[in-house]
C-alpha atoms as a PDB file:
ATOM      1  CA  MET A   1     104.564 146.674 110.455  1.00  0.00           C
ATOM      2  CA  LYS A   2     105.752 144.396 113.324  1.00  0.00           C
ATOM      3  CA  THR A   3     102.347 142.330 112.440  1.00  0.00           C
ATOM      4  CA  CYS A   4     102.995 141.605 108.660  1.00  0.00           C
ATOM      5  CA  TYR A   5     106.695 140.687 109.858  1.00  0.00           C
ATOM      6  CA  PHE A   6     105.118 138.063 112.253  1.00  0.00           C
ATOM      7  CA  TRP A   7     102.938 136.765 110.196  1.00  0.00           C
ATOM      8  CA  PHE A   8     105.620 136.593 106.961  1.00  0.00           C
ATOM      9  CA  THR A   9     107.702 134.765 109.631  1.00  0.00           C
ATOM     10  CA  LEU A  10     104.895 131.942 110.679  1.00  0.00           C
ATOM     11  CA  LEU A  11     104.282 131.281 106.599  1.00  0.00           C
ATOM     12  CA  VAL A  12     108.621 131.064 106.220  1.00  0.00           C
ATOM     13  CA  ILE A  13     108.774 128.938 109.054  1.00  0.00           C
ATOM     14  CA  SER A  14     105.161 126.661 108.216  1.00  0.00           C
ATOM     15  CA  LEU A  15     107.366 126.414 104.400  1.00  0.00           C
ATOM     16  CA  SER A  16     110.725 124.902 105.570  1.00  0.00           C
ATOM     17  CA  SER A  17     109.006 123.028 108.492  1.00  0.00           C
ATOM     18  CA  TRP A  18     107.297 120.746 106.189  1.00  0.00           C
ATOM     19  CA  PRO A  19     108.748 118.719 103.011  1.00  0.00           C
ATOM     20  CA  LEU A  20     106.319 117.339 100.624  1.00  0.00           C
ATOM     21  CA  ALA A  21     107.445 113.899 100.391  1.00  0.00           C
ATOM     22  CA  ALA A  22     105.174 111.055  97.751  1.00  0.00           C
ATOM     23  CA  GLU A  23     102.164 109.882  99.041  1.00  0.00           C
ATOM     24  CA  ASP A  24     102.997 109.942 103.214  1.00  0.00           C
ATOM     25  CA  GLY A  25     100.303 112.899 103.635  1.00  0.00           C
ATOM     26  CA  VAL A  26      96.790 112.034 105.081  1.00  0.00           C
ATOM     27  CA  PHE A  27      94.708 113.111 101.741  1.00  0.00           C
ATOM     28  CA  ASP A  28      97.292 110.799  99.826  1.00  0.00           C
ATOM     29  CA  GLN A  29      96.415 108.133 101.479  1.00  0.00           C
ATOM     30  CA  TYR A  30      92.197 109.834 100.627  1.00  0.00           C
ATOM     31  CA  ARG A  31      92.784 110.546  97.311  1.00  0.00           C
ATOM     32  CA  ASP A  32      94.200 106.555  97.119  1.00  0.00           C
ATOM     33  CA  LEU A  33      90.863 105.677  98.658  1.00  0.00           C
ATOM     34  CA  MET A  34      88.946 107.269  96.209  1.00  0.00           C
ATOM     35  CA  GLY A  35      90.377 105.515  93.335  1.00  0.00           C
ATOM     36  CA  ASP A  36      88.179 106.904  89.743  1.00  0.00           C
ATOM     37  CA  ASP A  37      86.031 108.060  91.721  1.00  0.00           C
ATOM     38  CA  ASN A  38      86.030 111.980  91.295  1.00  0.00           C
ATOM     39  CA  PRO A  39      82.355 113.484  91.372  1.00  0.00           C
ATOM     40  CA  ALA A  40      83.081 115.813  88.906  1.00  0.00           C
ATOM     41  CA  VAL A  41      81.363 113.311  86.531  1.00  0.00           C
ATOM     42  CA  PHE A  42      78.507 114.717  88.266  1.00  0.00           C
ATOM     43  CA  VAL A  43      79.612 118.540  87.314  1.00  0.00           C
ATOM     44  CA  ILE A  44      80.555 117.548  83.728  1.00  0.00           C
ATOM     45  CA  ASP A  45      77.253 116.095  82.701  1.00  0.00           C
ATOM     46  CA  GLU A  46      75.731 119.385  83.899  1.00  0.00           C
ATOM     47  CA  GLY A  47      77.854 121.642  82.029  1.00  0.00           C
ATOM     48  CA  GLU A  48      77.080 119.404  78.816  1.00  0.00           C
ATOM     49  CA  GLU A  49      73.267 119.864  79.164  1.00  0.00           C
ATOM     50  CA  LEU A  50      74.036 123.669  79.772  1.00  0.00           C
ATOM     51  CA  TRP A  51      75.628 124.357  76.368  1.00  0.00           C
ATOM     52  CA  PHE A  52      73.482 122.872  74.447  1.00  0.00           C
ATOM     53  CA  ALA A  53      70.506 124.524  76.759  1.00  0.00           C
ATOM     54  CA  ALA A  54      68.777 127.291  74.667  1.00  0.00           C
ATOM     55  CA  GLN A  55      68.193 130.503  76.384  1.00  0.00           C
ATOM     56  CA  GLY A  56      68.352 133.974  76.695  1.00  0.00           C
ATOM     57  CA  PRO A  57      65.782 135.840  75.040  1.00  0.00           C
ATOM     58  CA  LYS A  58      67.202 134.278  72.064  1.00  0.00           C
ATOM     59  CA  SER A  59      66.415 131.258  72.772  1.00  0.00           C
ATOM     60  CA  VAL A  60      69.115 129.644  71.175  1.00  0.00           C
ATOM     61  CA  THR A  61      71.918 127.565  72.981  1.00  0.00           C
ATOM     62  CA  LEU A  62      76.079 127.815  72.655  1.00  0.00           C
ATOM     63  CA  ASP A  63      76.872 125.446  70.620  1.00  0.00           C
ATOM     64  CA  SER A  64      77.281 128.283  68.102  1.00  0.00           C
ATOM     65  CA  CYS A  65      80.098 129.875  70.311  1.00  0.00           C
ATOM     66  CA  ASP A  66      83.552 129.709  69.128  1.00  0.00           C
ATOM     67  CA  LEU A  67      86.404 129.187  71.577  1.00  0.00           C
ATOM     68  CA  GLY A  68      88.962 129.379  69.258  1.00  0.00           C
ATOM     69  CA  LEU A  69      88.881 126.325  67.163  1.00  0.00           C
ATOM     70  CA  GLY A  70      85.379 127.145  65.002  1.00  0.00           C
ATOM     71  CA  PRO A  71      81.914 127.284  65.834  1.00  0.00           C
ATOM     72  CA  GLY A  72      80.845 125.245  68.460  1.00  0.00           C
ATOM     73  CA  VAL A  73      84.388 123.209  68.667  1.00  0.00           C
ATOM     74  CA  THR A  74      84.654 121.711  72.054  1.00  0.00           C
ATOM     75  CA  ALA A  75      87.313 119.051  71.774  1.00  0.00           C
ATOM     76  CA  GLY A  76      91.126 120.290  72.936  1.00  0.00           C
ATOM     77  CA  ALA A  77      89.355 124.212  73.111  1.00  0.00           C
ATOM     78  CA  TYR A  78      90.021 124.710  76.744  1.00  0.00           C
ATOM     79  CA  ALA A  79      93.798 123.614  76.150  1.00  0.00           C
ATOM     80  CA  ARG A  80      94.963 126.921  73.801  1.00  0.00           C
ATOM     81  CA  PHE A  81      93.962 129.354  76.250  1.00  0.00           C
ATOM     82  CA  PRO A  82      94.182 131.522  77.478  1.00  0.00           C
ATOM     83  CA  ARG A  83      94.071 133.659  73.673  1.00  0.00           C
ATOM     84  CA  TYR A  84      93.492 136.109  71.395  1.00  0.00           C
ATOM     85  CA  PHE A  85      90.003 136.442  69.777  1.00  0.00           C
ATOM     86  CA  ALA A  86      89.838 138.968  66.983  1.00  0.00           C
ATOM     87  CA  ASP A  87      86.176 139.647  66.614  1.00  0.00           C
ATOM     88  CA  THR A  88      86.633 141.647  70.720  1.00  0.00           C
ATOM     89  CA  ASP A  89      89.931 142.191  70.237  1.00  0.00           C
ATOM     90  CA  GLU A  90      91.228 141.271  73.322  1.00  0.00           C
ATOM     91  CA  VAL A  91      93.446 138.276  74.921  1.00  0.00           C
ATOM     92  CA  MET A  92      90.762 135.865  76.390  1.00  0.00           C
ATOM     93  CA  ASP A  93      90.630 133.215  79.062  1.00  0.00           C
ATOM     94  CA  LEU A  94      87.614 130.366  79.021  1.00  0.00           C
ATOM     95  CA  GLU A  95      85.432 132.130  80.881  1.00  0.00           C
ATOM     96  CA  SER A  96      85.215 135.687  79.869  1.00  0.00           C
ATOM     97  CA  ARG A  97      85.085 133.740  76.541  1.00  0.00           C
ATOM     98  CA  LEU A  98      81.571 132.278  77.908  1.00  0.00           C
ATOM     99  CA  VAL A  99      80.971 135.438  79.238  1.00  0.00           C
ATOM    100  CA  HIS A 100      80.861 137.445  75.769  1.00  0.00           C
ATOM    101  CA  CYS A 101      78.828 134.306  74.118  1.00  0.00           C
ATOM    102  CA  MET A 102      76.101 134.129  76.778  1.00  0.00           C
ATOM    103  CA  THR A 103      75.958 138.265  75.550  1.00  0.00           C
ATOM    104  CA  THR A 104      76.135 138.222  72.253  1.00  0.00           C
ATOM    105  CA  ILE A 105      74.980 134.406  70.884  1.00  0.00           C
ATOM    106  CA  GLN A 106      72.148 134.189  74.058  1.00  0.00           C
ATOM    107  CA  GLY A 107      71.580 137.751  74.471  1.00  0.00           C
ATOM    108  CA  ARG A 108      71.423 136.940  77.845  1.00  0.00           C
ATOM    109  CA  ASP A 109      72.240 140.420  80.492  1.00  0.00           C
ATOM    110  CA  LEU A 110      75.756 141.179  81.109  1.00  0.00           C
ATOM    111  CA  GLU A 111      75.408 141.597  85.237  1.00  0.00           C
ATOM    112  CA  THR A 112      73.268 138.793  85.310  1.00  0.00           C
ATOM    113  CA  VAL A 113      75.781 136.313  83.720  1.00  0.00           C
ATOM    114  CA  THR A 114      78.809 137.781  86.043  1.00  0.00           C
ATOM    115  CA  GLU A 115      76.903 138.528  89.426  1.00  0.00           C
ATOM    116  CA  LYS A 116      77.508 135.146  91.164  1.00  0.00           C
ATOM    117  CA  PRO A 117      79.916 133.410  88.729  1.00  0.00           C
ATOM    118  CA  TYR A 118      82.018 131.065  91.772  1.00  0.00           C
ATOM    119  CA  SER A 119      79.541 129.246  94.266  1.00  0.00           C
ATOM    120  CA  LEU A 120      79.703 129.707  97.912  1.00  0.00           C
ATOM    121  CA  ARG A 121      79.898 126.881 100.450  1.00  0.00           C
ATOM    122  CA  GLY A 122      76.665 125.374 101.104  1.00  0.00           C
ATOM    123  CA  ASP A 123      75.662 125.956  96.898  1.00  0.00           C
ATOM    124  CA  LEU A 124      74.926 123.489  94.624  1.00  0.00           C
ATOM    125  CA  GLY A 125      77.670 125.080  92.345  1.00  0.00           C
ATOM    126  CA  THR A 126      77.148 127.304  89.789  1.00  0.00           C
ATOM    127  CA  GLU A 127      76.347 127.593  85.561  1.00  0.00           C
ATOM    128  CA  MET A 128      80.059 128.806  84.721  1.00  0.00           C
ATOM    129  CA  GLU A 129      81.072 126.085  86.403  1.00  0.00           C
ATOM    130  CA  ALA A 130      79.735 123.322  85.362  1.00  0.00           C
ATOM    131  CA  LEU A 131      80.486 124.936  81.792  1.00  0.00           C
ATOM    132  CA  VAL A 132      84.149 124.881  82.422  1.00  0.00           C
ATOM    133  CA  THR A 133      84.304 121.813  83.887  1.00  0.00           C
ATOM    134  CA  TRP A 134      82.654 119.970  79.953  1.00  0.00           C
ATOM    135  CA  LEU A 135      85.330 121.927  78.094  1.00  0.00           C
ATOM    136  CA  ALA A 136      88.271 120.803  80.164  1.00  0.00           C
ATOM    137  CA  ALA A 137      87.202 117.774  80.128  1.00  0.00           C
ATOM    138  CA  GLU A 138      87.104 117.780  76.773  1.00  0.00           C
ATOM    139  CA  SER A 139      90.126 118.736  76.534  1.00  0.00           C
ATOM    140  CA  GLU A 140      91.224 116.089  78.541  1.00  0.00           C
ATOM    141  CA  GLY A 141      95.082 114.466  77.160  1.00  0.00           C
ATOM    142  CA  ALA A 142      95.459 116.763  75.474  1.00  0.00           C
ATOM    143  CA  LYS A 143      99.309 118.954  75.704  1.00  0.00           C
ATOM    144  CA  ILE A 144      98.055 122.311  76.850  1.00  0.00           C
ATOM    145  CA  ALA A 145      99.605 125.043  74.142  1.00  0.00           C
ATOM    146  CA  PRO A 146      98.546 128.308  75.215  1.00  0.00           C
ATOM    147  CA  GLU A 147      98.406 130.830  71.655  1.00  0.00           C
ATOM    148  CA  GLN A 148     101.218 133.261  71.749  1.00  0.00           C
ATOM    149  CA  THR A 149     102.191 133.986  68.760  1.00  0.00           C
ATOM    150  CA  HIS A 150      99.587 137.396  69.036  1.00  0.00           C
ATOM    151  CA  ALA A 151     101.550 140.681  69.964  1.00  0.00           C
ATOM    152  CA  ALA A 152      98.812 141.152  72.895  1.00  0.00           C
ATOM    153  CA  GLU A 153      99.455 137.587  73.689  1.00  0.00           C
ATOM    154  CA  ARG A 154     103.044 137.858  74.447  1.00  0.00           C
ATOM    155  CA  ALA A 155     102.411 140.782  76.146  1.00  0.00           C
ATOM    156  CA  MET A 156      99.306 139.328  78.655  1.00  0.00           C
ATOM    157  CA  TYR A 157     102.469 137.034  79.740  1.00  0.00           C
ATOM    158  CA  THR A 158     105.021 139.631  80.632  1.00  0.00           C
ATOM    159  CA  LEU A 159     101.894 141.332  82.868  1.00  0.00           C
ATOM    160  CA  GLY A 160     100.911 138.291  84.011  1.00  0.00           C
ATOM    161  CA  GLU A 161     105.010 137.330  85.282  1.00  0.00           C
ATOM    162  CA  GLU A 162     105.341 141.014  86.960  1.00  0.00           C
ATOM    163  CA  ILE A 163     101.850 140.140  89.355  1.00  0.00           C
ATOM    164  CA  PHE A 164     103.082 136.940  90.374  1.00  0.00           C
ATOM    165  CA  PHE A 165     106.229 138.850  91.755  1.00  0.00           C
ATOM    166  CA  TYR A 166     104.823 141.563  92.815  1.00  0.00           C
ATOM    167  CA  ARG A 167     104.306 141.920  96.789  1.00  0.00           C
ATOM    168  CA  ALA A 168     101.644 143.786  98.126  1.00  0.00           C
ATOM    169  CA  GLY A 169      98.520 144.216 100.656  1.00  0.00           C
ATOM    170  CA  PRO A 170      98.978 144.299 104.495  1.00  0.00           C
ATOM    171  CA  HIS A 171     101.380 140.969 104.676  1.00  0.00           C
ATOM    172  CA  ASP A 172     103.331 141.838 101.811  1.00  0.00           C
ATOM    173  CA  PHE A 173     103.088 138.683  99.886  1.00  0.00           C
ATOM    174  CA  SER A 174     103.259 138.036  96.559  1.00  0.00           C
ATOM    175  CA  CYS A 175     102.422 134.398  94.561  1.00  0.00           C
ATOM    176  CA  ALA A 176     105.963 133.791  94.380  1.00  0.00           C
ATOM    177  CA  THR A 177     106.147 134.234  98.179  1.00  0.00           C
ATOM    178  CA  CYS A 178     104.043 130.949  98.063  1.00  0.00           C
ATOM    179  CA  HIS A 179     104.797 129.218  94.363  1.00  0.00           C
ATOM    180  CA  GLU A 180     108.294 129.642  93.229  1.00  0.00           C
ATOM    181  CA  GLN A 181     109.750 126.059  95.832  1.00  0.00           C
ATOM    182  CA  SER A 182     109.588 122.966  94.861  1.00  0.00           C
ATOM    183  CA  GLY A 183     108.881 120.603  97.255  1.00  0.00           C
ATOM    184  CA  MET A 184     107.064 122.262  99.192  1.00  0.00           C
ATOM    185  CA  ARG A 185     103.049 122.413 101.486  1.00  0.00           C
ATOM    186  CA  ILE A 186     101.170 124.311 104.321  1.00  0.00           C
ATOM    187  CA  ARG A 187      99.730 121.340 106.385  1.00  0.00           C
ATOM    188  CA  LEU A 188      98.307 119.141 103.380  1.00  0.00           C
ATOM    189  CA  GLN A 189      98.205 121.641 101.128  1.00  0.00           C
ATOM    190  CA  ALA A 190     100.917 121.201  98.705  1.00  0.00           C
ATOM    191  CA  LEU A 191     102.156 124.562  97.026  1.00  0.00           C
ATOM    192  CA  PRO A 192     103.051 123.930  93.384  1.00  0.00           C
ATOM    193  CA  ASP A 193     106.098 125.810  91.943  1.00  0.00           C
ATOM    194  CA  LEU A 194     104.610 127.702  88.818  1.00  0.00           C
ATOM    195  CA  THR A 195     107.596 128.991  87.563  1.00  0.00           C
ATOM    196  CA  SER A 196     108.736 125.313  86.715  1.00  0.00           C
ATOM    197  CA  HIS A 197     107.187 123.533  83.616  1.00  0.00           C
ATOM    198  CA  SER A 198     107.132 120.542  85.202  1.00  0.00           C
ATOM    199  CA  GLY A 199     105.367 122.825  88.688  1.00  0.00           C
ATOM    200  CA  ALA A 200     103.037 124.721  86.314  1.00  0.00           C
ATOM    201  CA  ALA A 201     101.758 121.760  84.495  1.00  0.00           C
ATOM    202  CA  GLU A 202     100.501 119.741  87.471  1.00  0.00           C
ATOM    203  CA  ALA A 203      98.676 122.830  88.435  1.00  0.00           C
ATOM    204  CA  TRP A 204      97.479 124.303  85.198  1.00  0.00           C
ATOM    205  CA  GLY A 205      96.245 120.516  84.021  1.00  0.00           C
ATOM    206  CA  SER A 206      94.701 119.825  86.877  1.00  0.00           C
ATOM    207  CA  TRP A 207      92.284 122.386  87.339  1.00  0.00           C
ATOM    208  CA  PRO A 208      89.412 122.722  87.312  1.00  0.00           C
ATOM    209  CA  ALA A 209      88.886 120.368  90.048  1.00  0.00           C
ATOM    210  CA  TYR A 210      86.528 118.899  92.709  1.00  0.00           C
ATOM    211  CA  ARG A 211      87.320 120.852  96.438  1.00  0.00           C
ATOM    212  CA  MET A 212      86.805 117.453  99.263  1.00  0.00           C
ATOM    213  CA  SER A 213      86.960 119.802 101.427  1.00  0.00           C
ATOM    214  CA  GLN A 214      84.500 122.438 100.019  1.00  0.00           C
ATOM    215  CA  GLY A 215      81.700 119.613  97.964  1.00  0.00           C
ATOM    216  CA  LEU A 216      82.415 121.627  95.229  1.00  0.00           C
ATOM    217  CA  VAL A 217      83.730 121.549  91.767  1.00  0.00           C
ATOM    218  CA  ARG A 218      86.388 125.005  91.754  1.00  0.00           C
ATOM    219  CA  THR A 219      87.646 126.217  88.515  1.00  0.00           C
ATOM    220  CA  MET A 220      91.102 128.045  87.937  1.00  0.00           C
ATOM    221  CA  GLY A 221      89.304 131.287  88.235  1.00  0.00           C
ATOM    222  CA  TRP A 222      88.135 130.511  92.048  1.00  0.00           C
ATOM    223  CA  ARG A 223      91.570 129.776  92.869  1.00  0.00           C
ATOM    224  CA  LEU A 224      93.572 132.382  91.883  1.00  0.00           C
ATOM    225  CA  ARG A 225      90.522 134.922  93.338  1.00  0.00           C
ATOM    226  CA  ASP A 226      90.837 132.595  96.533  1.00  0.00           C
ATOM    227  CA  CYS A 227      94.713 133.656  96.948  1.00  0.00           C
ATOM    228  CA  PHE A 228      93.705 137.431  96.235  1.00  0.00           C
ATOM    229  CA  ARG A 229      91.717 136.707  99.218  1.00  0.00           C
ATOM    230  CA  GLN A 230      94.395 134.774 101.445  1.00  0.00           C
ATOM    231  CA  GLN A 231      96.823 137.828 100.559  1.00  0.00           C
ATOM    232  CA  ARG A 232      94.356 139.567 101.865  1.00  0.00           C
ATOM    233  CA  TRP A 233      94.422 141.765  98.085  1.00  0.00           C
ATOM    234  CA  PRO A 234      91.416 143.032  97.068  1.00  0.00           C
ATOM    235  CA  GLU A 235      88.830 141.277  95.277  1.00  0.00           C
ATOM    236  CA  LEU A 236      89.968 139.284  91.868  1.00  0.00           C
ATOM    237  CA  GLN A 237      86.749 139.660  89.297  1.00  0.00           C
ATOM    238  CA  MET A 238      86.771 137.283  87.184  1.00  0.00           C
ATOM    239  CA  GLY A 239      87.643 137.933  83.707  1.00  0.00           C
ATOM    240  CA  SER A 240      90.141 141.050  84.704  1.00  0.00           C
ATOM    241  CA  GLU A 241      93.496 141.732  83.077  1.00  0.00           C
ATOM    242  CA  VAL A 242      94.751 140.497  85.926  1.00  0.00           C
ATOM    243  CA  SER A 243      92.735 137.101  86.653  1.00  0.00           C
ATOM    244  CA  ILE A 244      93.724 136.943  82.624  1.00  0.00           C
ATOM    245  CA  ALA A 245      97.690 137.844  82.966  1.00  0.00           C
ATOM    246  CA  LEU A 246      98.251 135.143  85.807  1.00  0.00           C
ATOM    247  CA  GLN A 247      96.672 132.187  83.778  1.00  0.00           C
ATOM    248  CA  THR A 248      98.500 133.490  80.500  1.00  0.00           C
ATOM    249  CA  TYR A 249     102.496 133.396  82.526  1.00  0.00           C
ATOM    250  CA  MET A 250     100.594 129.881  84.531  1.00  0.00           C
ATOM    251  CA  ALA A 251      99.740 128.306  80.757  1.00  0.00           C
ATOM    252  CA  VAL A 252     102.535 129.511  79.092  1.00  0.00           C
ATOM    253  CA  ASN A 253     105.097 127.980  81.614  1.00  0.00           C
ATOM    254  CA  ALA A 254     103.222 124.926  81.492  1.00  0.00           C
ATOM    255  CA  ALA A 255     103.056 124.512  77.687  1.00  0.00           C
ATOM    256  CA  GLY A 256     103.874 120.572  76.665  1.00  0.00           C
ATOM    257  CA  GLY A 257     102.355 119.249  79.324  1.00  0.00           C
ATOM    258  CA  ILE A 258      99.320 117.245  79.512  1.00  0.00           C
ATOM    259  CA  MET A 259      95.494 118.261  81.030  1.00  0.00           C
ATOM    260  CA  THR A 260      93.940 115.478  82.997  1.00  0.00           C
ATOM    261  CA  ALA A 261      91.280 118.157  84.806  1.00  0.00           C
ATOM    262  CA  PRO A 262      88.971 118.095  86.502  1.00  0.00           C
ATOM    263  CA  GLY A 263      91.316 117.250  89.317  1.00  0.00           C
ATOM    264  CA  LEU A 264      90.139 115.779  92.461  1.00  0.00           C
ATOM    265  CA  LYS A 265      91.865 118.244  95.379  1.00  0.00           C
ATOM    266  CA  ARG A 266      91.676 118.359  99.565  1.00  0.00           C
END
């Protein structure tokens, strides 16, 4: 218990000692030097190629995959996730919807396509990361507008809000421990206030993002999994109810913002 209190105290000190000032950080200067050059453009091209590549036992493309706006419609689709799909009777995020299309349309094995959705340091990136990056780019400039018309979608938001404030783990952390205040950071990492519209819109709208410190594009699903790792919580599974609920909570809070992904992060 003393150890938990010690680490929590250190976190509070870090949050309170490092107010986030515009354009005064090393990362801000680095990003300015990068200008409009975002290495994610290469991942976007890869994702588009994978979308139109014939794969699986059925040797077909994903071009008939329905992301909510009709089979094959990709423009603006990402900005509407998470959302309810009648054919699965579930609220799905983009990653779980892609898995559904890979297994039902292409006939691919579920265990195989979900075995390694996120790359490790030193990897070249995964199929899932590339597809999500391209589809996010297809919504660049679109207004964030997650569905909340179905009862299941509203219930998912409520669950996401509950999880966001739920404290657990060896350090008694919650998502809100780091993301319920504005203008804060840990070292070079800005900590958006995900309970506010502006903070949620900036954060949700800029993922997936190219992480310069890792040389890889990361999705929001990966970001949440890594947050769980840092909180010392059990590993968050891609497409799980918890992951989709948290994404729903953020996306709804961000509604009305503009998609800028893929972003560029530290």
